[in-house]
């Protein structure tokens, strides 16, 4: 994990800790066990990077759906920090506070209000009208899929790599 400390682009990322954690989360490494790996090898690194590959033009609908779900599962794991299969209000508050921590004009209470409002919206999307004594326990992966429906995660969550032809033109 300490090797990630030397990556300059991660240094100022507000969710740096969550990103590094994701590289060692055994759920993302497609292992059957839960928890964190102490270290990763090159194959593990490539497994994590595969979540960020762009879509291929020849993918059929079934492949695109599987591809989308893999990306969303990776994101879900970043939010579900206690590995219990749901994103609780407190977990979501932590993520929003981390994301907004770089804004000096936004107080912690404002970030909390944003998270609370988003969780209420999630509950209305996933459960519908709730009774006064009903409590929304948290966002399950099925709920997460509903919330991301219609959002183009396939093209937004990817890393572009330069090809050799582009590099050759730089000389």
Protein backbone atom coordinates (compact mmCIF):
# COMPACT_ATOMS: atom_id res chain seq x y z
CA UNK A 1 0.00 0.00 0.00
CA UNK A 2 2.85 2.36 0.71
CA UNK A 3 3.87 2.19 -2.98
CA UNK A 4 0.72 4.13 -3.82
CA UNK A 5 2.05 7.05 -1.75
CA UNK A 6 4.54 7.82 -4.52
CA UNK A 7 1.85 8.33 -7.21
CA UNK A 8 1.67 12.13 -7.63
CA UNK A 9 -1.83 12.20 -9.18
CA UNK A 10 -3.28 10.42 -6.15
CA UNK A 11 -1.69 12.74 -3.61
CA UNK A 12 -4.40 15.41 -3.80
CA UNK A 13 -7.36 13.23 -4.68
CA UNK A 14 -9.99 13.65 -1.93
CA UNK A 15 -10.93 9.96 -2.05
CA UNK A 16 -7.33 8.75 -2.27
CA UNK A 17 -7.83 6.40 0.68
CA UNK A 18 -10.86 4.77 -0.94
CA UNK A 19 -9.02 4.34 -4.24
CA UNK A 20 -6.01 2.69 -2.61
CA UNK A 21 -8.32 0.57 -0.45
CA UNK A 22 -10.12 -0.62 -3.63
CA UNK A 23 -6.87 -2.04 -5.01
CA UNK A 24 -6.53 -4.30 -1.96
CA UNK A 25 -10.21 -5.20 -1.47
CA UNK A 26 -10.43 -8.94 -2.10
CA UNK A 27 -13.94 -8.49 -3.51
CA UNK A 28 -12.45 -6.42 -6.35
CA UNK A 29 -9.66 -8.94 -6.84
CA UNK A 30 -12.37 -11.49 -7.66
CA UNK A 31 -11.40 -13.65 -4.72
CA UNK A 32 -13.98 -15.63 -2.80
CA UNK A 33 -12.83 -14.33 0.57
CA UNK A 34 -13.64 -11.00 2.18
CA UNK A 35 -11.29 -8.41 3.63
CA UNK A 36 -8.11 -6.81 2.41
CA UNK A 37 -5.01 -8.25 0.80
CA UNK A 38 -1.70 -7.23 2.38
CA UNK A 39 -0.14 -6.74 -1.03
CA UNK A 40 -1.04 -7.21 -4.66
CA UNK A 41 0.95 -8.65 -7.53
CA UNK A 42 0.98 -7.50 -11.14
CA UNK A 43 -1.95 -9.75 -12.08
CA UNK A 44 -4.01 -8.28 -9.22
CA UNK A 45 -3.09 -4.78 -10.39
CA UNK A 46 -4.29 -5.63 -13.90
CA UNK A 47 -7.51 -7.08 -12.48
CA UNK A 48 -8.26 -3.75 -10.79
CA UNK A 49 -7.29 -1.76 -13.88
CA UNK A 50 -9.64 -3.92 -15.97
CA UNK A 51 -12.57 -2.19 -14.26
CA UNK A 52 -11.44 0.99 -16.02
CA UNK A 53 -11.09 -0.36 -19.53
CA UNK A 54 -13.24 1.36 -22.16
CA UNK A 55 -16.10 -0.42 -23.86
CA UNK A 56 -15.33 -2.31 -27.02
CA UNK A 57 -17.35 -1.50 -30.10
CA UNK A 58 -18.13 -5.14 -30.86
CA UNK A 59 -19.79 -5.89 -27.49
CA UNK A 60 -23.31 -7.24 -27.63
CA UNK A 61 -26.05 -6.22 -25.16
CA UNK A 62 -25.31 -9.08 -22.76
CA UNK A 63 -21.59 -8.24 -22.66
CA UNK A 64 -22.35 -4.54 -22.15
CA UNK A 65 -24.72 -5.36 -19.28
CA UNK A 66 -22.09 -7.58 -17.59
CA UNK A 67 -19.41 -4.92 -18.20
CA UNK A 68 -21.64 -2.25 -16.65
CA UNK A 69 -22.43 -4.39 -13.60
CA UNK A 70 -18.72 -5.09 -13.02
CA UNK A 71 -17.94 -1.38 -13.01
CA UNK A 72 -20.84 -0.61 -10.71
CA UNK A 73 -19.90 -3.44 -8.36
CA UNK A 74 -16.42 -1.93 -8.08
CA UNK A 75 -17.94 1.48 -7.22
CA UNK A 76 -20.36 -0.14 -4.78
CA UNK A 77 -17.45 -1.77 -2.95
CA UNK A 78 -15.78 1.64 -2.59
CA UNK A 79 -18.85 2.97 -0.78
CA UNK A 80 -19.58 -0.21 1.24
CA UNK A 81 -16.59 0.16 3.55
CA UNK A 82 -17.71 -2.37 6.17
CA UNK A 83 -18.33 -5.07 3.52
CA UNK A 84 -21.85 -5.86 4.75
CA UNK A 85 -23.51 -5.66 1.32
CA UNK A 86 -25.21 -2.30 1.79
CA UNK A 87 -24.23 1.35 1.84
CA UNK A 88 -25.50 2.87 5.07
CA UNK A 89 -26.19 6.53 5.66
CA UNK A 90 -22.97 6.86 7.67
CA UNK A 91 -20.89 5.24 4.92
CA UNK A 92 -22.43 7.57 2.36
CA UNK A 93 -21.83 10.58 4.60
CA UNK A 94 -18.16 9.62 4.87
CA UNK A 95 -17.78 9.44 1.09
CA UNK A 96 -19.53 12.77 0.50
CA UNK A 97 -17.47 14.44 3.22
CA UNK A 98 -14.27 13.08 1.65
CA UNK A 99 -15.29 14.19 -1.84
CA UNK A 100 -16.13 17.70 -0.66
CA UNK A 101 -13.24 18.05 1.81
CA UNK A 102 -11.20 20.12 -0.64
CA UNK A 103 -13.82 22.87 -0.76
CA UNK A 104 -12.96 25.41 1.97
CA UNK A 105 -16.35 27.14 1.56
CA UNK A 106 -18.39 24.06 2.40
CA UNK A 107 -18.89 23.14 6.03
CA UNK A 108 -19.07 19.57 7.26
CA UNK A 109 -22.74 20.05 8.15
CA UNK A 110 -23.51 21.04 4.54
CA UNK A 111 -21.81 17.88 3.27
CA UNK A 112 -23.87 15.88 5.76
CA UNK A 113 -27.08 17.52 4.49
CA UNK A 114 -26.14 16.67 0.90
CA UNK A 115 -25.55 13.04 1.86
CA UNK A 116 -28.80 12.86 3.85
CA UNK A 117 -30.78 14.28 0.92
CA UNK A 118 -29.17 11.85 -1.52
CA UNK A 119 -29.96 8.92 0.80
CA UNK A 120 -33.61 10.05 1.04
CA UNK A 121 -33.73 10.18 -2.75
CA UNK A 122 -32.20 6.70 -2.93
CA UNK A 123 -34.87 5.41 -0.55
CA UNK A 124 -37.65 6.93 -2.66
CA UNK A 125 -36.21 5.43 -5.86
CA UNK A 126 -35.62 1.99 -4.37
CA UNK A 127 -38.44 1.55 -1.86
CA UNK A 128 -41.00 4.12 -2.92
CA UNK A 129 -43.26 5.77 -0.39
CA UNK A 130 -42.19 4.73 3.10
CA UNK A 131 -44.35 4.70 6.20
CA UNK A 132 -43.54 6.96 9.16
CA UNK A 133 -42.14 4.06 11.19
CA UNK A 134 -40.24 2.52 8.29
CA UNK A 135 -36.42 2.87 8.22
CA UNK A 136 -34.29 2.60 5.11
CA UNK A 137 -31.40 0.35 6.15
CA UNK A 138 -29.12 1.24 3.27
CA UNK A 139 -28.46 0.86 -0.41
CA UNK A 140 -28.09 -2.73 -1.59
CA UNK A 141 -26.33 -3.54 -4.85
CA UNK A 142 -29.73 -4.03 -6.52
CA UNK A 143 -30.71 -0.55 -5.30
CA UNK A 144 -27.39 0.81 -6.55
CA UNK A 145 -28.12 -0.60 -10.01
CA UNK A 146 -31.53 1.13 -10.02
CA UNK A 147 -29.97 4.43 -9.01
CA UNK A 148 -27.38 4.28 -11.80
CA UNK A 149 -29.92 3.29 -14.45
CA UNK A 150 -29.70 5.68 -17.37
CA UNK A 151 -26.29 7.05 -16.33
CA UNK A 152 -23.56 6.27 -18.82
CA UNK A 153 -20.98 4.72 -16.45
CA UNK A 154 -19.49 2.63 -19.27
CA UNK A 155 -17.85 5.60 -20.96
CA UNK A 156 -17.25 7.75 -17.88
CA UNK A 157 -15.39 5.25 -15.72
CA UNK A 158 -12.42 4.40 -17.87
CA UNK A 159 -8.76 5.22 -18.37
CA UNK A 160 -7.43 6.03 -21.81
CA UNK A 161 -3.97 4.85 -22.64
CA UNK A 162 -1.88 6.29 -25.41
CA UNK A 163 -1.12 3.94 -28.26
CA UNK A 164 2.29 3.67 -29.82
CA UNK A 165 1.27 5.62 -32.93
CA UNK A 166 0.40 8.64 -30.83
CA UNK A 167 3.70 8.47 -29.00
CA UNK A 168 5.63 8.18 -32.29
CA UNK A 169 4.09 11.47 -33.48
CA UNK A 170 5.45 13.30 -30.43
CA UNK A 171 9.07 13.16 -31.57
